[in-house]
Each structure stands twice: as C-alpha cells, then as structure tokens.
Protein backbone atom coordinates (compact mmCIF):
# COMPACT_ATOMS: atom_id res chain seq x y z
CA UNK A 1 0.00 0.00 0.00
CA UNK A 2 1.23 3.47 -0.89
CA UNK A 3 2.69 5.90 1.65
CA UNK A 4 1.08 8.83 -0.13
CA UNK A 5 -1.81 10.54 1.64
CA UNK A 6 -3.64 13.83 1.87
CA UNK A 7 -5.01 15.79 4.78
CA UNK A 8 -7.55 18.57 4.98
CA UNK A 9 -8.31 20.98 7.81
CA UNK A 10 -12.09 20.82 7.95
CA UNK A 11 -12.70 23.39 10.68
CA UNK A 12 -10.95 25.59 13.25
CA UNK A 13 -12.31 26.88 16.56
CA UNK A 14 -10.13 29.86 17.51
CA UNK A 15 -11.58 30.19 21.01
CA UNK A 16 -10.48 26.61 21.84
CA UNK A 17 -7.46 26.43 19.50
CA UNK A 18 -8.96 23.26 18.01
CA UNK A 19 -8.64 22.10 14.42
CA UNK A 20 -10.50 19.16 12.85
CA UNK A 21 -8.38 17.32 10.28
CA UNK A 22 -9.31 14.59 7.77
CA UNK A 23 -6.63 12.17 6.52
CA UNK A 24 -7.23 10.23 3.30
CA UNK A 25 -5.42 7.77 1.07
CA UNK A 26 -6.54 5.66 -1.85
CA UNK A 27 -8.26 2.44 -0.80
CA UNK A 28 -8.78 3.38 2.87
CA UNK A 29 -11.60 5.04 4.74
CA UNK A 30 -10.99 8.64 5.93
CA UNK A 31 -9.51 9.15 9.39
CA UNK A 32 -10.56 12.15 11.46
CA UNK A 33 -8.50 13.77 14.23
CA UNK A 34 -9.23 16.76 16.45
CA UNK A 35 -5.99 18.66 17.24
CA UNK A 36 -5.28 21.10 20.05
CA UNK A 37 -2.84 23.23 18.15
CA UNK A 38 0.49 24.07 19.79
CA UNK A 39 1.13 27.09 17.61
CA UNK A 40 -0.62 28.88 14.76
CA UNK A 41 2.05 29.61 12.18
CA UNK A 42 1.87 27.57 9.00
CA UNK A 43 5.07 25.58 9.60
CA UNK A 44 4.12 24.54 13.14
CA UNK A 45 0.60 23.50 12.07
CA UNK A 46 1.99 21.39 9.20
CA UNK A 47 4.55 19.73 11.50
CA UNK A 48 1.96 18.84 14.14
CA UNK A 49 -0.50 17.37 11.62
CA UNK A 50 2.07 15.49 9.56
CA UNK A 51 3.82 14.10 12.68
CA UNK A 52 0.58 12.34 13.51
CA UNK A 53 0.48 10.49 10.18
CA UNK A 54 2.21 7.37 11.56
CA UNK A 55 -0.75 6.85 13.92
CA UNK A 56 -3.15 7.18 11.01
CA UNK A 57 -1.20 4.65 8.92
CA UNK A 58 -1.15 2.19 11.86
CA UNK A 59 -4.93 2.50 12.06
CA UNK A 60 -5.30 1.87 8.33
CA UNK A 61 -3.02 -1.21 8.59
CA UNK A 62 -5.16 -2.68 11.39
CA UNK A 63 -8.29 -1.95 9.38
CA UNK A 64 -6.89 -3.84 6.38
CA UNK A 65 -6.19 -6.87 8.59
CA UNK A 66 -9.61 -6.80 10.28
CA UNK A 67 -11.97 -9.74 9.55
CA UNK A 68 -15.25 -9.22 7.74
CA UNK A 69 -17.21 -10.39 10.78
CA UNK A 70 -16.32 -10.00 14.49
CA UNK A 71 -17.37 -13.04 16.58
CA UNK A 72 -18.61 -10.89 19.47
CA UNK A 73 -21.02 -8.84 17.40
CA UNK A 74 -24.34 -8.73 19.23
CA UNK A 75 -25.43 -8.60 22.85
CA UNK A 76 -23.07 -10.37 25.30
CA UNK A 77 -23.46 -11.26 28.99
CA UNK A 78 -20.57 -10.59 31.36
CA UNK A 79 -19.78 -10.14 35.05
CA UNK A 80 -17.49 -7.38 36.25
CA UNK A 81 -14.34 -8.65 37.93
CA UNK A 82 -13.33 -6.20 40.68
CA UNK A 83 -9.72 -5.06 40.62
CA UNK A 84 -7.92 -6.28 43.74
CA UNK A 85 -5.68 -3.90 45.61
CA UNK A 86 -2.21 -5.02 46.68
CA UNK A 87 -1.11 -4.77 50.30
CA UNK A 88 2.46 -5.13 51.60
CA UNK A 89 2.79 -7.26 54.75
CA UNK A 90 5.67 -6.70 57.18
CA UNK A 91 8.47 -9.19 56.42
CA UNK A 92 9.06 -12.12 58.72
CA UNK A 93 11.99 -11.87 61.11
CA UNK A 94 15.20 -13.75 60.35
CA UNK A 95 16.61 -15.38 63.49
CA UNK A 96 19.87 -16.59 61.91
CA UNK A 97 21.19 -14.75 58.88
CA UNK A 98 23.66 -17.57 58.17
CA UNK A 99 21.03 -20.27 57.64
CA UNK A 100 17.91 -18.28 56.70
CA UNK A 101 16.90 -15.81 54.01
CA UNK A 102 13.81 -13.88 52.89
CA UNK A 103 11.95 -14.65 49.66
CA UNK A 104 9.07 -12.72 48.07
CA UNK A 105 5.69 -14.48 47.87
CA UNK A 106 2.26 -13.35 46.73
CA UNK A 107 -0.96 -14.55 48.32
CA UNK A 108 -4.37 -13.77 46.84
CA UNK A 109 -7.58 -13.60 48.87
CA UNK A 110 -11.13 -12.78 47.75
CA UNK A 111 -10.57 -9.09 48.36
CA UNK A 112 -6.87 -8.32 47.95
CA UNK A 113 -3.41 -9.45 46.95
CA UNK A 114 -0.97 -9.80 49.85
CA UNK A 115 2.72 -9.23 49.17
CA UNK A 116 4.93 -10.96 51.74
CA UNK A 117 8.52 -11.79 52.52
CA UNK A 118 8.85 -15.11 54.30
CA UNK A 119 11.81 -16.83 55.93
CA UNK A 120 13.12 -19.96 54.21
CA UNK A 121 16.29 -22.04 54.73
CA UNK A 122 19.30 -21.04 52.69
CA UNK A 123 20.71 -23.64 50.27
CA UNK A 124 23.26 -25.79 52.11
CA UNK A 125 26.15 -24.64 49.89
CA UNK A 126 25.31 -21.00 50.72
CA UNK A 127 25.27 -21.82 54.43
CA UNK A 128 28.69 -23.48 54.23
CA UNK A 129 30.11 -20.44 52.44
CA UNK A 130 28.52 -18.02 54.95
CA UNK A 131 29.85 -19.93 57.98
CA UNK A 132 33.37 -20.10 56.57
CA UNK A 133 33.25 -16.41 55.68
CA UNK A 134 32.24 -15.47 59.22
CA UNK A 135 34.92 -17.77 60.65
CA UNK A 136 37.57 -16.13 58.47
CA UNK A 137 36.38 -12.66 59.45
CA UNK A 138 36.53 -13.47 63.18
CA UNK A 139 40.02 -14.90 62.74
CA UNK A 140 41.12 -11.72 60.98
CA UNK A 141 40.13 -9.67 64.04
CA UNK A 142 42.84 -11.42 66.06
CA UNK A 143 45.47 -11.66 63.30
CA UNK A 144 47.52 -8.90 64.90
CA UNK A 145 48.35 -11.30 67.74
CA UNK A 146 50.02 -13.57 65.17
CA UNK A 147 52.56 -10.93 64.11
CA UNK A 148 56.13 -11.89 64.83
CA UNK A 149 56.63 -9.02 67.25
CA UNK A 150 53.42 -9.52 69.25
CA UNK A 151 52.98 -12.20 71.89
CA UNK A 152 49.75 -14.15 71.51
CA UNK A 153 47.95 -14.91 74.80
CA UNK A 154 47.03 -18.55 75.36
CA UNK A 155 43.34 -17.60 75.50
CA UNK A 156 43.60 -16.10 72.00
CA UNK A 157 45.45 -19.17 70.72
CA UNK A 158 42.65 -21.38 72.02
CA UNK A 159 39.99 -19.06 70.59
CA UNK A 160 41.58 -19.08 67.13
CA UNK A 161 41.85 -22.87 67.18
CA UNK A 162 38.19 -23.17 68.17
CA UNK A 163 37.29 -20.95 65.22
CA UNK A 164 39.25 -23.18 62.86
CA UNK A 165 37.44 -26.19 64.29
CA UNK A 166 33.88 -24.94 63.67
CA UNK A 167 33.80 -26.88 60.40
CA UNK A 168 34.44 -30.06 62.41
CA UNK A 169 31.46 -29.56 64.71
CA UNK A 170 28.74 -32.24 64.38
CA UNK A 171 26.11 -29.64 63.45
CA UNK A 172 28.16 -27.89 60.74
CA UNK A 173 27.03 -25.95 58.80
CA UNK A 174 23.41 -25.64 59.96
CA UNK A 175 24.09 -25.54 63.69
CA UNK A 176 27.38 -24.02 64.77
CA UNK A 177 28.38 -23.03 68.31
CA UNK A 178 30.61 -19.99 68.01
CA UNK A 179 33.39 -19.53 70.60
CA UNK A 180 33.41 -16.30 72.57
CA UNK A 181 36.25 -13.85 72.10
CA UNK A 182 38.20 -13.83 75.37
CA UNK A 183 38.85 -10.58 77.16
CA UNK A 184 42.57 -9.86 77.06
CA UNK A 185 44.06 -7.77 79.84
CA UNK A 186 46.52 -5.55 78.01
CA UNK A 187 48.35 -4.96 81.32
CA UNK A 188 48.75 -8.65 82.05
CA UNK A 189 52.21 -10.22 81.98
CA UNK A 190 52.57 -12.08 78.66
CA UNK A 191 53.09 -15.81 78.99
CA UNK A 192 55.92 -15.70 76.48
CA UNK A 193 57.92 -13.38 74.25
CA UNK A 194 60.15 -13.94 71.26
CA UNK A 195 63.96 -14.16 71.66
CA UNK A 196 64.20 -10.95 69.63
CA UNK A 197 61.87 -9.14 72.03
CA UNK A 198 63.81 -10.49 75.03
CA UNK A 199 67.14 -9.22 73.66
CA UNK A 200 65.70 -5.81 72.78
CA UNK A 201 64.18 -5.41 76.26
CA UNK A 202 67.44 -6.44 77.95
CA UNK A 203 69.41 -4.07 75.72
CA UNK A 204 67.04 -1.22 76.61
CA UNK A 205 67.84 -1.80 80.29
CA UNK A 206 71.59 -2.15 79.66
CA UNK A 207 71.58 -5.85 80.66
CA UNK A 208 72.18 -7.62 77.34
CA UNK A 209 75.97 -7.40 77.59
CA UNK A 210 75.84 -9.16 80.97
CA UNK A 211 73.94 -12.23 79.77
CA UNK A 212 76.90 -14.40 78.66
CA UNK A 213 78.84 -13.70 81.88
CA UNK A 214 75.73 -14.37 83.97
CA UNK A 215 75.18 -17.74 82.26
CA UNK A 216 78.84 -18.70 82.75
CA UNK A 217 78.53 -17.96 86.48
CA UNK A 218 75.55 -20.29 86.95
CA UNK A 219 75.84 -23.66 88.76
CA UNK A 220 76.77 -26.58 86.55
CA UNK A 221 73.37 -28.26 86.90
CA UNK A 222 71.53 -25.38 85.19
CA UNK A 223 74.19 -23.60 83.11
CA UNK A 224 74.11 -25.93 80.11
CA UNK A 225 70.29 -25.94 79.96
CA UNK A 226 70.09 -22.16 80.20
CA UNK A 227 72.81 -21.75 77.53
CA UNK A 228 70.91 -23.97 75.09
CA UNK A 229 67.65 -22.17 75.80
CA UNK A 230 69.27 -18.77 75.33
CA UNK A 231 70.79 -19.73 71.99
CA UNK A 232 68.09 -21.89 70.43
CA UNK A 233 64.67 -21.28 72.04
CA UNK A 234 61.97 -20.08 69.62
CA UNK A 235 60.18 -18.32 72.47
CA UNK A 236 61.02 -17.23 76.00
CA UNK A 237 58.38 -18.34 78.50
CA UNK A 238 57.80 -16.30 81.65
CA UNK A 239 57.82 -19.47 83.79
CA UNK A 240 60.83 -21.13 82.11
CA UNK A 241 64.13 -22.13 83.70
CA UNK A 242 65.87 -19.64 81.41
CA UNK A 243 63.79 -16.74 82.70
CA UNK A 244 64.04 -17.54 86.40
CA UNK A 245 67.74 -18.46 86.35
CA UNK A 246 68.91 -15.63 84.11
CA UNK A 247 66.71 -13.12 85.89
CA UNK A 248 68.27 -13.97 89.22
CA UNK A 249 71.79 -13.63 87.83
CA UNK A 250 70.91 -10.22 86.32
CA UNK A 251 69.45 -8.97 89.60
CA UNK A 252 65.82 -8.99 88.42
CA UNK A 253 63.21 -10.04 91.00
CA UNK A 254 59.70 -11.23 90.06
CA UNK A 255 58.40 -7.70 89.63
CA UNK A 256 61.42 -6.80 87.54
CA UNK A 257 60.89 -9.80 85.26
CA UNK A 258 57.19 -8.98 84.89
CA UNK A 259 58.08 -5.42 83.91
CA UNK A 260 60.67 -6.70 81.43
CA UNK A 261 58.13 -9.00 79.74
CA UNK A 262 55.51 -6.23 79.56
CA UNK A 263 58.00 -3.95 77.80
CA UNK A 264 59.33 -6.74 75.56
CA UNK A 265 55.92 -7.66 74.17
CA UNK A 266 55.57 -4.14 72.74
CA UNK A 267 58.93 -4.22 70.93
C-alpha cells in the first residue's frame, strides 16, 4: 500500500485552538482527528499534523487486517471482575542470617493481593560459604596477635583454634556453636615473648651485655640448659628455667621480670 496521503483541515475553533483534520489515502476510509494546536504559524501546524500520520497509517493497517465479521457482534453477557488492591505485609523476622533468608511471595484472597517476605532455609552450599566467611572474618580480628613481634595470649590461641574447628562440629554448617572472644588484659604479663623481644628489652635496660657472663657464672646443673635455651629457644616463656635463672643472675626479682616481659611484648 502506498505511503502517499492527503489531509484537509475541515474546521478551526479559535476560542479553543482546536482544528479538525481529515486524513485520506486511496483504498482506505478517511480518518478524522481533532488537534489542540500548539502554535498557529503555517510551519508549526503542518509539522503537528504530519507528525501524527504514523498513527493514522497504523490504524489503516489494522483496518486492512480486520476480519469481515467480528465473533462478538451482538449482545453479550458478562460479570465485572473487581480489581484487587495489593497490600504489603511486614516481612518475617530472620533469626539466623547464616542459615535463613527472605523470599518474596504473593498470596491472593477474595478481596486483595498480599505481598509478603517469608523466611526460608538457605541452600546448604550457601550456608557453608557463609559460615566459613564469618569464621575467616573473626580470625582476621585477632590476626595482629600472630605478628612476629606480638605475643599471643594462650586464650587467643585457644579461641583461634576453636574458630578453625567450627567446620568439624557435628552440626556444621546448619548448627554451629561460636566460641566467645576472650577478654585480654593488656596490662597482664605475657606468657611468652620472642627471643628478639627479650634481647631488645634487655638491651634497653643495659643488661644484654651481661647475659653471657651471667650464664657462665651459673651452677653446673643449670648452666648448660640455660645456655641452650638462650641460643636456640623459639620463644622465652615467663615461667621457664631460662627466665628464672637468668633473671636472678641479672638482679631482676619477680616484679622486675614482669616489667621486662611487659616492655618486651611491645617491641
């Protein structure tokens, strides 16, 4: 079918700025449109009318495809179906965000459509991932104790091990008992320090140069043990033979040793 057409302004009501236009093309019935004109100069009127032509051609195309007879012609019986309003219900409460999640559901009653969020179990693979992620995050909060120049309290060591063991619990991953983070007294005497920290603390107090002579002056039954500990120990324990024997030789009483360990753990 041709794209050529004509249009004619049939009437114009100046008081309402309305123009009645008739579109025509060969082989199609006329199409009438009432325009509320945007402007009144010739170019603007042409643009507004001609821009509407695609709507007119769509109408003509539908008319060409229309059947000769419509099945519903004649009186029909029908019942009005009321439109149901939607109502949002408060979401259910998640009690464990590791094992549960919210999903959207829609429930329809006689009068309305209810939009809900209900709690359902997470897929088991998601739960495993979530538990391991939380375990790794909790471990990261105590990672600073694992630095080479920081002494890790025994309570933190146990706590970190318990975190690593959560995947071995019988209820993993759906039922996990999380260990509690122990309270660490920052003023407490550390149970152990590194040999590096011990040497730095002794040097700060001017005692490091006296260590070898002090070990040599010890009784035979402890000298060899203390010498080995001093040279090869990977950590210096507060309650070790090395600490008590060497401390006595250097003139450090219990309070002096405690103070030395407190300083050493910060070095």
